[in-house]
Amino acid sequence: MYFELRSEVCQANKKLKENNLVRWTSGNVSYRIPDTELVIIKPSGVDFDELTPENMVIVDLDGNVVEGDLKPSVDTDSHLYVYKHKENINSVIHTHSPFATSFAIQGKGLPSYTTTAANVFKHGVPCSDFASIGSEDIGREIVKFIDDSPAVLLKNHGVFTVGESINKALKAAVILEETAEYAHYALLHNPNIEPLPSEVVDMCNNFYATSYGQK
């Protein structure tokens, strides 16, 4: 079922590795199939280079495997919790991208120091409380902290991004790592740098939302 969508999810998972957001087999992309209660997600522990559309797993919102021979990601319950509580979210992405995760390890959110960050994350990316892996707990933290920003740092864990499409969730994951890297190096020079003022953030975010890209 849904071969084209499984292909899209498969390619998005591979892009995590291509963009240096994951290593080995950690990290995953999922997608809620429109007008259904079904979700496509990466299988657990499979190398990104070995992923195919056929081995993407389809589950229902209760986590039951509907199609697929492999076990779904250990993060499946977290993804499903988000889908059940956020109707506008259709894709969830999890990474351990190094620069962003370095802020998560400290339990610190990432303020918007650059106009690029303001464009995508508005005033910044929050950091959640600690949550247990492999349960709905992480999903609860995502839902609690996701608001203006399409990303959240999971304390002592990594990164989750969301979007109404796979492309938007993937874009947030890539840009988050980029802005986290810039912030990391800037803070080495000056640990007291200030985030962008609120009025600048609002101006950037509004301009980006109304003027950037092809309409």
C-alpha atoms as a PDB file:
ATOM      1  CA  MET A   1       0.000   0.000   0.000  1.00  0.00           C
ATOM      2  CA  TYR A   2       0.942   3.642  -0.526  1.00  0.00           C
ATOM      3  CA  PHE A   3       4.167   2.897  -2.418  1.00  0.00           C
ATOM      4  CA  GLU A   4       4.750   6.512  -3.488  1.00  0.00           C
ATOM      5  CA  LEU A   5       4.353   7.808   0.062  1.00  0.00           C
ATOM      6  CA  ARG A   6       6.594   5.043   1.394  1.00  0.00           C
ATOM      7  CA  SER A   7       9.177   6.095  -1.188  1.00  0.00           C
ATOM      8  CA  GLU A   8       8.918   9.705   0.002  1.00  0.00           C
ATOM      9  CA  VAL A   9       9.391   8.688   3.638  1.00  0.00           C
ATOM     10  CA  CYS A  10      12.305   6.448   2.678  1.00  0.00           C
ATOM     11  CA  GLN A  11      14.046   9.278   0.803  1.00  0.00           C
ATOM     12  CA  ALA A  12      13.472  11.689   3.682  1.00  0.00           C
ATOM     13  CA  ASN A  13      15.123   9.246   6.074  1.00  0.00           C
ATOM     14  CA  LYS A  14      18.113   8.988   3.758  1.00  0.00           C
ATOM     15  CA  LYS A  15      18.350  12.782   3.644  1.00  0.00           C
ATOM     16  CA  LEU A  16      18.954  12.787   7.400  1.00  0.00           C
ATOM     17  CA  LYS A  17      22.238  10.984   6.775  1.00  0.00           C
ATOM     18  CA  GLU A  18      23.058  13.057   3.685  1.00  0.00           C
ATOM     19  CA  ASN A  19      22.749  16.210   5.804  1.00  0.00           C
ATOM     20  CA  ASN A  20      24.867  14.781   8.656  1.00  0.00           C
ATOM     21  CA  LEU A  21      21.959  14.855  11.096  1.00  0.00           C
ATOM     22  CA  VAL A  22      22.267  11.174  12.108  1.00  0.00           C
ATOM     23  CA  ARG A  23      24.875   8.452  12.437  1.00  0.00           C
ATOM     24  CA  TRP A  24      24.683   4.666  12.348  1.00  0.00           C
ATOM     25  CA  THR A  25      20.977   3.746  12.660  1.00  0.00           C
ATOM     26  CA  SER A  26      19.638   6.389  15.082  1.00  0.00           C
ATOM     27  CA  GLY A  27      16.997   8.873  13.948  1.00  0.00           C
ATOM     28  CA  ASN A  28      13.808   8.572  11.951  1.00  0.00           C
ATOM     29  CA  VAL A  29      11.164  10.235   9.813  1.00  0.00           C
ATOM     30  CA  SER A  30       7.448   9.491   9.951  1.00  0.00           C
ATOM     31  CA  TYR A  31       4.465  10.704   7.964  1.00  0.00           C
ATOM     32  CA  ARG A  32       0.737  10.638   8.643  1.00  0.00           C
ATOM     33  CA  ILE A  33      -1.080   9.429   5.517  1.00  0.00           C
ATOM     34  CA  PRO A  34      -3.747  12.012   4.601  1.00  0.00           C
ATOM     35  CA  ASP A  35      -7.373  11.152   5.385  1.00  0.00           C
ATOM     36  CA  THR A  36      -6.405   7.981   7.264  1.00  0.00           C
ATOM     37  CA  GLU A  37      -5.360   6.939  10.741  1.00  0.00           C
ATOM     38  CA  LEU A  38      -2.175   5.394   9.361  1.00  0.00           C
ATOM     39  CA  VAL A  39       1.470   6.452   9.742  1.00  0.00           C
ATOM     40  CA  ILE A  40       4.555   5.457   7.755  1.00  0.00           C
ATOM     41  CA  ILE A  41       7.762   5.246   9.789  1.00  0.00           C
ATOM     42  CA  LYS A  42      11.325   3.950   9.524  1.00  0.00           C
ATOM     43  CA  PRO A  43      11.985   0.404  10.777  1.00  0.00           C
ATOM     44  CA  SER A  44      14.038   0.037  13.958  1.00  0.00           C
ATOM     45  CA  GLY A  45      17.808  -0.400  13.772  1.00  0.00           C
ATOM     46  CA  VAL A  46      18.115  -0.530   9.968  1.00  0.00           C
ATOM     47  CA  ASP A  47      21.076   1.244   8.369  1.00  0.00           C
ATOM     48  CA  PHE A  48      20.022   4.292   6.359  1.00  0.00           C
ATOM     49  CA  ASP A  49      21.820   2.998   3.262  1.00  0.00           C
ATOM     50  CA  GLU A  50      19.761  -0.194   3.398  1.00  0.00           C
ATOM     51  CA  LEU A  51      16.373   1.488   3.601  1.00  0.00           C
ATOM     52  CA  THR A  52      13.902   0.825   0.782  1.00  0.00           C
ATOM     53  CA  PRO A  53      10.289   1.885   0.258  1.00  0.00           C
ATOM     54  CA  GLU A  54       9.271  -1.731   0.848  1.00  0.00           C
ATOM     55  CA  ASN A  55      10.741  -1.894   4.346  1.00  0.00           C
ATOM     56  CA  MET A  56       9.058   1.270   5.598  1.00  0.00           C
ATOM     57  CA  VAL A  57       6.499   0.215   8.194  1.00  0.00           C
ATOM     58  CA  ILE A  58       2.852   1.296   8.222  1.00  0.00           C
ATOM     59  CA  VAL A  59       1.194   1.450  11.638  1.00  0.00           C
ATOM     60  CA  ASP A  60      -2.155   2.670  12.901  1.00  0.00           C
ATOM     61  CA  LEU A  61      -2.467   5.355  15.573  1.00  0.00           C
ATOM     62  CA  ASP A  62      -2.493   2.662  18.264  1.00  0.00           C
ATOM     63  CA  GLY A  63       0.876   1.337  17.079  1.00  0.00           C
ATOM     64  CA  ASN A  64      -0.395  -1.841  15.437  1.00  0.00           C
ATOM     65  CA  VAL A  65       1.595  -2.831  12.342  1.00  0.00           C
ATOM     66  CA  VAL A  66      -0.711  -2.690   9.321  1.00  0.00           C
ATOM     67  CA  GLU A  67       1.920  -3.457   6.719  1.00  0.00           C
ATOM     68  CA  GLY A  68       5.606  -4.321   6.892  1.00  0.00           C
ATOM     69  CA  ASP A  69       7.803  -7.252   7.875  1.00  0.00           C
ATOM     70  CA  LEU A  70      10.082  -5.272  10.201  1.00  0.00           C
ATOM     71  CA  LYS A  71       9.597  -3.800  13.651  1.00  0.00           C
ATOM     72  CA  PRO A  72       8.855  -0.056  13.560  1.00  0.00           C
ATOM     73  CA  SER A  73      11.132   2.516  15.190  1.00  0.00           C
ATOM     74  CA  VAL A  74      11.403   2.440  18.979  1.00  0.00           C
ATOM     75  CA  ASP A  75      10.245   6.070  18.822  1.00  0.00           C
ATOM     76  CA  THR A  76       6.924   5.119  17.219  1.00  0.00           C
ATOM     77  CA  ASP A  77       4.837   5.736  20.350  1.00  0.00           C
ATOM     78  CA  SER A  78       6.296   9.242  20.639  1.00  0.00           C
ATOM     79  CA  HIS A  79       5.462  10.045  17.011  1.00  0.00           C
ATOM     80  CA  LEU A  80       1.935   8.667  17.363  1.00  0.00           C
ATOM     81  CA  TYR A  81       1.275  10.705  20.491  1.00  0.00           C
ATOM     82  CA  VAL A  82       2.074  13.860  18.515  1.00  0.00           C
ATOM     83  CA  TYR A  83      -0.243  12.884  15.667  1.00  0.00           C
ATOM     84  CA  LYS A  84      -3.069  12.098  18.070  1.00  0.00           C
ATOM     85  CA  HIS A  85      -2.779  15.475  19.781  1.00  0.00           C
ATOM     86  CA  LYS A  86      -1.756  17.819  16.942  1.00  0.00           C
ATOM     87  CA  GLU A  87      -4.043  17.580  13.912  1.00  0.00           C
ATOM     88  CA  ASN A  88      -1.989  20.121  11.936  1.00  0.00           C
ATOM     89  CA  ILE A  89       1.192  18.029  12.152  1.00  0.00           C
ATOM     90  CA  ASN A  90       1.678  15.412   9.430  1.00  0.00           C
ATOM     91  CA  SER A  91       5.397  14.675   9.747  1.00  0.00           C
ATOM     92  CA  VAL A  92       7.685  14.118  12.729  1.00  0.00           C
ATOM     93  CA  ILE A  93      11.471  13.847  12.480  1.00  0.00           C
ATOM     94  CA  HIS A  94      13.935  12.755  15.151  1.00  0.00           C
ATOM     95  CA  THR A  95      17.701  13.313  14.957  1.00  0.00           C
ATOM     96  CA  HIS A  96      20.739  13.438  17.199  1.00  0.00           C
ATOM     97  CA  SER A  97      22.395  16.186  15.155  1.00  0.00           C
ATOM     98  CA  PRO A  98      25.550  17.080  17.102  1.00  0.00           C
ATOM     99  CA  PHE A  99      25.447  20.848  17.529  1.00  0.00           C
ATOM    100  CA  ALA A 100      21.759  20.999  18.392  1.00  0.00           C
ATOM    101  CA  THR A 101      22.118  18.008  20.718  1.00  0.00           C
ATOM    102  CA  SER A 102      24.964  19.760  22.533  1.00  0.00           C
ATOM    103  CA  PHE A 103      22.397  22.333  23.698  1.00  0.00           C
ATOM    104  CA  ALA A 104      19.972  19.539  24.657  1.00  0.00           C
ATOM    105  CA  ILE A 105      22.676  17.919  26.789  1.00  0.00           C
ATOM    106  CA  GLN A 106      22.957  21.146  28.732  1.00  0.00           C
ATOM    107  CA  GLY A 107      19.191  21.367  29.095  1.00  0.00           C
ATOM    108  CA  LYS A 108      19.280  24.709  27.302  1.00  0.00           C
ATOM    109  CA  GLY A 109      16.987  26.062  24.632  1.00  0.00           C
ATOM    110  CA  LEU A 110      18.467  27.738  21.579  1.00  0.00           C
ATOM    111  CA  PRO A 111      17.466  31.407  21.245  1.00  0.00           C
ATOM    112  CA  SER A 112      17.341  33.043  17.832  1.00  0.00           C
ATOM    113  CA  TYR A 113      20.716  34.683  17.386  1.00  0.00           C
ATOM    114  CA  THR A 114      20.438  34.944  13.598  1.00  0.00           C
ATOM    115  CA  THR A 115      17.820  36.143  11.157  1.00  0.00           C
ATOM    116  CA  THR A 116      17.700  32.634   9.680  1.00  0.00           C
ATOM    117  CA  ALA A 117      16.769  31.217  13.072  1.00  0.00           C
ATOM    118  CA  ALA A 118      14.124  33.930  13.517  1.00  0.00           C
ATOM    119  CA  ASN A 119      12.693  33.115  10.084  1.00  0.00           C
ATOM    120  CA  VAL A 120      12.079  29.473  10.934  1.00  0.00           C
ATOM    121  CA  PHE A 121      11.958  29.211  14.740  1.00  0.00           C
ATOM    122  CA  LYS A 122      10.687  32.672  15.638  1.00  0.00           C
ATOM    123  CA  HIS A 123      12.067  33.446  19.131  1.00  0.00           C
ATOM    124  CA  GLY A 124      13.967  30.181  19.475  1.00  0.00           C
ATOM    125  CA  VAL A 125      13.887  26.436  20.008  1.00  0.00           C
ATOM    126  CA  PRO A 126      12.854  25.332  23.522  1.00  0.00           C
ATOM    127  CA  CYS A 127      14.387  22.486  25.495  1.00  0.00           C
ATOM    128  CA  SER A 128      12.030  19.999  27.120  1.00  0.00           C
ATOM    129  CA  ASP A 129      12.270  18.137  30.388  1.00  0.00           C
ATOM    130  CA  PHE A 130      13.861  14.682  30.436  1.00  0.00           C
ATOM    131  CA  ALA A 131      11.655  11.887  29.093  1.00  0.00           C
ATOM    132  CA  SER A 132      12.030   8.120  28.858  1.00  0.00           C
ATOM    133  CA  ILE A 133      12.860   6.588  25.488  1.00  0.00           C
ATOM    134  CA  GLY A 134      10.425   4.184  23.837  1.00  0.00           C
ATOM    135  CA  SER A 135       7.210   5.467  25.353  1.00  0.00           C
ATOM    136  CA  GLU A 136       4.681   8.253  24.937  1.00  0.00           C
ATOM    137  CA  ASP A 137       6.646  10.424  27.388  1.00  0.00           C
ATOM    138  CA  ILE A 138       8.714  12.037  24.644  1.00  0.00           C
ATOM    139  CA  GLY A 139       5.549  12.696  22.653  1.00  0.00           C
ATOM    140  CA  ARG A 140       4.080  14.498  25.645  1.00  0.00           C
ATOM    141  CA  GLU A 141       7.160  16.706  25.882  1.00  0.00           C
ATOM    142  CA  ILE A 142       6.985  17.517  22.171  1.00  0.00           C
ATOM    143  CA  VAL A 143       3.323  18.483  22.395  1.00  0.00           C
ATOM    144  CA  LYS A 144       3.980  20.518  25.544  1.00  0.00           C
ATOM    145  CA  PHE A 145       6.810  22.559  24.049  1.00  0.00           C
ATOM    146  CA  ILE A 146       5.959  22.790  20.333  1.00  0.00           C
ATOM    147  CA  ASP A 147       4.300  26.122  19.632  1.00  0.00           C
ATOM    148  CA  ASP A 148       5.666  28.885  17.405  1.00  0.00           C
ATOM    149  CA  SER A 149       8.787  26.827  16.736  1.00  0.00           C
ATOM    150  CA  PRO A 150       8.593  23.637  14.651  1.00  0.00           C
ATOM    151  CA  ALA A 151      11.426  22.143  16.704  1.00  0.00           C
ATOM    152  CA  VAL A 152      12.127  21.100  20.262  1.00  0.00           C
ATOM    153  CA  LEU A 153      15.304  19.914  21.965  1.00  0.00           C
ATOM    154  CA  LEU A 154      14.787  16.834  24.143  1.00  0.00           C
ATOM    155  CA  LYS A 155      16.881  17.154  27.279  1.00  0.00           C
ATOM    156  CA  ASN A 156      19.836  14.721  27.293  1.00  0.00           C
ATOM    157  CA  HIS A 157      18.531  13.136  24.109  1.00  0.00           C
ATOM    158  CA  GLY A 158      18.355  15.002  20.820  1.00  0.00           C
ATOM    159  CA  VAL A 159      16.055  16.816  18.441  1.00  0.00           C
ATOM    160  CA  PHE A 160      12.480  16.519  17.206  1.00  0.00           C
ATOM    161  CA  THR A 161      11.056  18.646  14.412  1.00  0.00           C
ATOM    162  CA  VAL A 162       7.533  18.697  13.029  1.00  0.00           C
ATOM    163  CA  GLY A 163       5.680  20.018  10.009  1.00  0.00           C
ATOM    164  CA  GLU A 164       2.478  19.900   8.039  1.00  0.00           C
ATOM    165  CA  SER A 165       4.603  18.166   5.371  1.00  0.00           C
ATOM    166  CA  ILE A 166       7.747  16.026   5.330  1.00  0.00           C
ATOM    167  CA  ASN A 167       9.636  18.778   3.550  1.00  0.00           C
ATOM    168  CA  LYS A 168       8.818  21.356   6.225  1.00  0.00           C
ATOM    169  CA  ALA A 169       9.828  19.050   9.066  1.00  0.00           C
ATOM    170  CA  LEU A 170      13.053  18.137   7.227  1.00  0.00           C
ATOM    171  CA  LYS A 171      13.839  21.774   6.518  1.00  0.00           C
ATOM    172  CA  ALA A 172      13.434  22.598  10.208  1.00  0.00           C
ATOM    173  CA  ALA A 173      15.838  19.785  11.158  1.00  0.00           C
ATOM    174  CA  VAL A 174      18.495  20.952   8.687  1.00  0.00           C
ATOM    175  CA  ILE A 175      18.236  24.641   9.573  1.00  0.00           C
ATOM    176  CA  LEU A 176      18.212  23.901  13.302  1.00  0.00           C
ATOM    177  CA  GLU A 177      21.559  22.142  13.044  1.00  0.00           C
ATOM    178  CA  GLU A 178      22.966  24.974  10.926  1.00  0.00           C
ATOM    179  CA  THR A 179      21.898  27.662  13.394  1.00  0.00           C
ATOM    180  CA  ALA A 180      23.049  25.575  16.384  1.00  0.00           C
ATOM    181  CA  GLU A 181      26.497  25.289  14.827  1.00  0.00           C
ATOM    182  CA  TYR A 182      26.729  29.064  14.319  1.00  0.00           C
ATOM    183  CA  ALA A 183      25.555  29.662  17.890  1.00  0.00           C
ATOM    184  CA  HIS A 184      28.054  27.169  19.272  1.00  0.00           C
ATOM    185  CA  TYR A 185      31.019  28.926  17.681  1.00  0.00           C
ATOM    186  CA  ALA A 186      29.736  32.419  18.493  1.00  0.00           C
ATOM    187  CA  LEU A 187      29.288  31.489  22.163  1.00  0.00           C
ATOM    188  CA  LEU A 188      32.891  30.286  22.286  1.00  0.00           C
ATOM    189  CA  HIS A 189      33.971  33.831  21.415  1.00  0.00           C
ATOM    190  CA  ASN A 190      31.474  35.524  23.704  1.00  0.00           C
ATOM    191  CA  PRO A 191      29.263  33.571  26.119  1.00  0.00           C
ATOM    192  CA  ASN A 192      27.196  36.692  26.764  1.00  0.00           C
ATOM    193  CA  ILE A 193      25.886  37.392  23.275  1.00  0.00           C
ATOM    194  CA  GLU A 194      22.277  38.498  23.162  1.00  0.00           C
ATOM    195  CA  PRO A 195      19.501  36.946  21.054  1.00  0.00           C
ATOM    196  CA  LEU A 196      17.792  39.113  18.469  1.00  0.00           C
ATOM    197  CA  PRO A 197      15.314  41.644  19.906  1.00  0.00           C
ATOM    198  CA  SER A 198      11.657  40.632  19.756  1.00  0.00           C
ATOM    199  CA  GLU A 199      10.759  43.280  17.202  1.00  0.00           C
ATOM    200  CA  VAL A 200      13.509  42.062  14.863  1.00  0.00           C
ATOM    201  CA  VAL A 201      12.403  38.452  15.293  1.00  0.00           C
ATOM    202  CA  ASP A 202       8.799  39.358  14.469  1.00  0.00           C
ATOM    203  CA  MET A 203       9.874  41.373  11.425  1.00  0.00           C
ATOM    204  CA  CYS A 204      12.070  38.555  10.103  1.00  0.00           C
ATOM    205  CA  ASN A 205       9.463  35.884  10.708  1.00  0.00           C
ATOM    206  CA  ASN A 206       6.730  37.877   9.023  1.00  0.00           C
ATOM    207  CA  PHE A 207       8.892  38.752   6.009  1.00  0.00           C
ATOM    208  CA  TYR A 208       9.957  35.112   5.612  1.00  0.00           C
ATOM    209  CA  ALA A 209       6.363  33.862   5.870  1.00  0.00           C
ATOM    210  CA  THR A 210       5.013  36.352   3.325  1.00  0.00           C
ATOM    211  CA  SER A 211       7.877  36.928   0.871  1.00  0.00           C
ATOM    212  CA  TYR A 212      10.305  34.000   0.733  1.00  0.00           C
ATOM    213  CA  GLY A 213      10.124  31.397  -2.033  1.00  0.00           C
ATOM    214  CA  GLN A 214       7.756  30.861  -4.935  1.00  0.00           C
ATOM    215  CA  LYS A 215       4.058  31.401  -4.334  1.00  0.00           C
END
